[in-house]
N, C-alpha and C. Protein backbone atom coordinates (compact mmCIF):
# COMPACT_ATOMS: atom_id res chain seq x y z
N MET A 1 211.83 181.54 151.67
CA MET A 1 212.97 182.33 151.15
C MET A 1 212.66 184.15 151.32
N ASN A 2 213.68 184.67 152.09
CA ASN A 2 213.11 186.19 151.66
C ASN A 2 214.17 186.30 150.33
N THR A 3 213.04 186.42 149.52
CA THR A 3 213.89 186.84 148.26
C THR A 3 214.78 188.54 148.04
N GLU A 4 214.95 189.16 149.07
CA GLU A 4 215.59 190.20 149.50
C GLU A 4 216.82 190.29 149.70
N ARG A 5 217.08 189.12 150.21
CA ARG A 5 218.61 188.32 151.03
C ARG A 5 219.37 187.65 150.44
N CYS A 6 220.54 187.72 150.05
CA CYS A 6 221.41 186.88 149.19
C CYS A 6 221.29 185.13 149.72
N PRO A 7 221.31 184.31 148.89
CA PRO A 7 221.23 182.91 150.01
C PRO A 7 222.07 182.31 150.24
N ARG A 8 223.48 183.21 149.61
CA ARG A 8 224.57 182.76 150.35
C ARG A 8 225.25 183.36 151.68
N CYS A 9 225.30 184.58 152.05
CA CYS A 9 225.64 185.65 152.91
C CYS A 9 224.54 185.91 153.82
N GLY A 10 223.12 185.76 153.39
CA GLY A 10 222.45 186.87 153.93
C GLY A 10 221.84 188.37 153.96
N ARG A 11 223.26 188.83 153.08
CA ARG A 11 222.66 190.65 153.46
C ARG A 11 221.62 190.77 152.18
N PRO A 12 221.49 191.93 152.24
CA PRO A 12 220.30 192.74 151.28
C PRO A 12 221.33 192.10 149.59
N ASN A 13 220.35 191.61 148.94
CA ASN A 13 221.29 191.61 147.67
C ASN A 13 220.83 192.46 146.67
N ARG A 14 219.93 193.40 147.08
CA ARG A 14 219.86 194.82 146.10
C ARG A 14 219.43 194.51 144.62
N CYS A 15 219.45 193.65 144.74
CA CYS A 15 218.25 193.03 143.36
C CYS A 15 216.90 194.11 142.83
N ALA A 16 217.36 194.76 141.54
CA ALA A 16 216.11 195.80 140.91
C ALA A 16 214.48 194.72 140.98
N GLN A 17 214.76 193.66 140.57
CA GLN A 17 213.78 193.02 140.19
C GLN A 17 212.87 192.42 141.65
N THR A 18 213.59 192.14 142.58
CA THR A 18 212.86 191.80 143.62
C THR A 18 211.86 193.19 143.98
N GLY A 19 209.97 191.96 143.87
CA GLY A 19 208.91 193.23 144.75
C GLY A 19 208.57 193.87 143.39
N ASN A 20 208.94 193.72 141.90
CA ASN A 20 208.67 194.02 140.57
C ASN A 20 208.31 192.96 140.09
N ALA A 21 206.49 193.38 139.39
CA ALA A 21 205.99 192.01 138.81
C ALA A 21 206.70 191.96 137.16
N GLN A 22 206.60 193.13 136.77
CA GLN A 22 206.97 193.38 135.14
C GLN A 22 209.12 193.42 135.37
N PRO A 23 209.10 192.55 134.32
CA PRO A 23 210.78 192.45 134.20
C PRO A 23 211.28 193.57 134.05
N VAL A 24 212.59 194.25 135.18
CA VAL A 24 213.61 195.34 134.95
C VAL A 24 214.09 195.35 134.10
N GLN A 25 214.37 196.76 133.61
CA GLN A 25 215.37 196.93 132.32
C GLN A 25 216.78 197.09 132.91
N ASP A 26 217.23 197.09 134.12
CA ASP A 26 218.19 197.49 134.70
C ASP A 26 218.59 197.18 135.93
N CYS A 27 219.81 196.16 136.33
CA CYS A 27 219.86 195.79 137.91
C CYS A 27 221.61 195.95 137.63
N TRP A 28 222.07 195.87 138.86
CA TRP A 28 223.45 196.10 138.83
C TRP A 28 223.87 194.72 138.72
N CYS A 29 223.60 193.56 138.50
CA CYS A 29 223.94 192.48 138.02
C CYS A 29 223.72 191.76 136.47
N PHE A 30 223.38 193.15 135.56
CA PHE A 30 223.34 193.08 134.47
C PHE A 30 224.54 193.89 133.61
N HIS A 31 225.47 193.84 134.78
CA HIS A 31 226.84 194.63 134.39
C HIS A 31 227.99 194.09 135.26
N THR A 32 227.42 193.07 136.30
CA THR A 32 228.65 192.17 137.34
C THR A 32 228.83 191.03 136.46
N PRO A 33 230.12 190.82 136.30
CA PRO A 33 230.45 188.97 135.52
C PRO A 33 229.99 188.49 137.11
N ILE A 34 229.16 187.16 137.12
CA ILE A 34 228.79 186.51 138.27
C ILE A 34 229.80 185.30 138.16
N SER A 35 230.61 184.88 139.22
CA SER A 35 231.45 183.82 139.78
C SER A 35 230.26 182.52 139.24
N PRO A 36 230.79 181.36 138.27
CA PRO A 36 230.39 180.54 138.39
C PRO A 36 230.30 179.52 139.70
N GLU A 37 231.60 180.29 140.33
CA GLU A 37 231.74 178.73 141.51
C GLU A 37 230.59 179.31 142.55
N ALA A 38 230.31 181.02 142.66
CA ALA A 38 229.40 181.26 143.78
C ALA A 38 227.83 180.76 143.20
N LEU A 39 227.34 180.65 142.02
CA LEU A 39 226.52 179.64 142.05
C LEU A 39 226.33 178.38 142.24
N GLU A 40 227.26 177.82 141.85
CA GLU A 40 227.83 176.27 142.41
C GLU A 40 227.88 175.74 143.47
N ALA A 41 227.96 177.27 143.99
CA ALA A 41 228.60 176.63 146.06
C ALA A 41 226.79 177.00 146.73
N LEU A 42 225.80 177.05 145.97
CA LEU A 42 224.35 177.29 146.58
C LEU A 42 223.91 176.04 146.25
N PRO A 43 223.10 175.78 147.85
CA PRO A 43 222.02 174.21 147.98
C PRO A 43 221.14 174.42 146.42
N ALA A 44 221.13 173.46 145.92
CA ALA A 44 220.10 173.20 145.37
C ALA A 44 218.53 173.93 145.47
N GLU A 45 218.21 174.01 146.33
CA GLU A 45 217.34 174.72 147.06
C GLU A 45 216.96 175.84 147.07
N ALA A 46 218.25 176.77 147.04
CA ALA A 46 218.49 177.78 146.83
C ALA A 46 218.46 178.99 145.60
N ARG A 47 218.85 177.95 144.89
CA ARG A 47 219.06 178.35 143.19
C ARG A 47 217.68 179.35 142.32
N ASP A 48 217.97 180.20 141.72
CA ASP A 48 216.37 180.52 141.02
C ASP A 48 215.67 180.97 141.94
N LYS A 49 216.05 181.12 143.29
CA LYS A 49 214.79 181.41 144.00
C LYS A 49 215.19 183.18 144.67
N ALA A 50 216.63 183.23 144.75
CA ALA A 50 216.74 185.04 145.23
C ALA A 50 217.99 185.21 144.31
N CYS A 51 218.34 186.95 143.91
CA CYS A 51 219.78 186.84 143.87
C CYS A 51 220.44 187.15 144.95
N LEU A 52 222.39 186.10 144.39
CA LEU A 52 222.87 186.47 145.33
C LEU A 52 223.51 188.10 145.14
N CYS A 53 224.22 188.74 146.29
CA CYS A 53 224.75 190.20 146.55
C CYS A 53 225.58 190.39 145.71
N PRO A 54 226.21 191.95 145.54
CA PRO A 54 227.42 191.96 144.57
C PRO A 54 228.46 191.22 145.29
N ALA A 55 228.62 191.21 146.76
CA ALA A 55 229.88 190.48 147.17
C ALA A 55 229.69 189.38 146.98
N CYS A 56 229.17 188.70 147.20
CA CYS A 56 229.00 187.19 146.78
C CYS A 56 228.97 186.40 145.36
N ALA A 57 228.37 187.58 144.65
CA ALA A 57 228.10 187.04 143.16
C ALA A 57 229.63 187.20 142.33
N GLY A 58 230.82 187.64 143.16
CA GLY A 58 232.37 187.50 142.83
C GLY A 58 232.81 186.62 143.44
N ALA A 59 232.47 186.62 144.48
CA ALA A 59 233.50 185.65 145.40
C ALA A 59 232.86 184.32 145.73
N THR A 60 234.53 183.07 145.82
CA THR A 60 234.63 182.22 145.56
C THR A 60 235.08 181.30 146.69
N GLY A 61 234.56 180.59 146.84
CA GLY A 61 235.26 179.39 148.55
C GLY A 61 234.74 180.11 149.55
N ASN A 62 235.38 180.43 150.57
CA ASN A 62 235.03 180.81 151.52
C ASN A 62 234.74 182.34 151.64
N ASP A 63 235.24 183.03 150.85
CA ASP A 63 234.93 184.81 150.86
C ASP A 63 233.89 185.42 151.62
N ALA A 64 232.96 184.77 151.40
CA ALA A 64 231.61 185.12 151.71
C ALA A 64 230.80 184.76 153.07
N GLN A 65 231.08 184.86 154.17
CA GLN A 65 230.79 184.62 154.95
C GLN A 65 229.21 185.57 155.57
N PRO A 66 228.35 184.34 156.12
CA PRO A 66 226.83 184.69 156.77
C PRO A 66 227.21 186.32 157.67
N ASP A 67 226.34 186.89 157.70
CA ASP A 67 226.22 188.27 158.75
C ASP A 67 225.56 187.74 159.84
């Protein structure tokens, strides 16, 4: 799994933690509410492996489509 891509749509997730061995102090997701529905829509094998992108973090249902 490519951790630089959103597991929901495949677009870049813009995660500040990706590629950093030490925990980061700030990322866009620290300031953005993440939709519980978006997390629940992920297959179990994709959870906790890669971050959602900003668009999918707030999307519900079929709002986010793969590129």
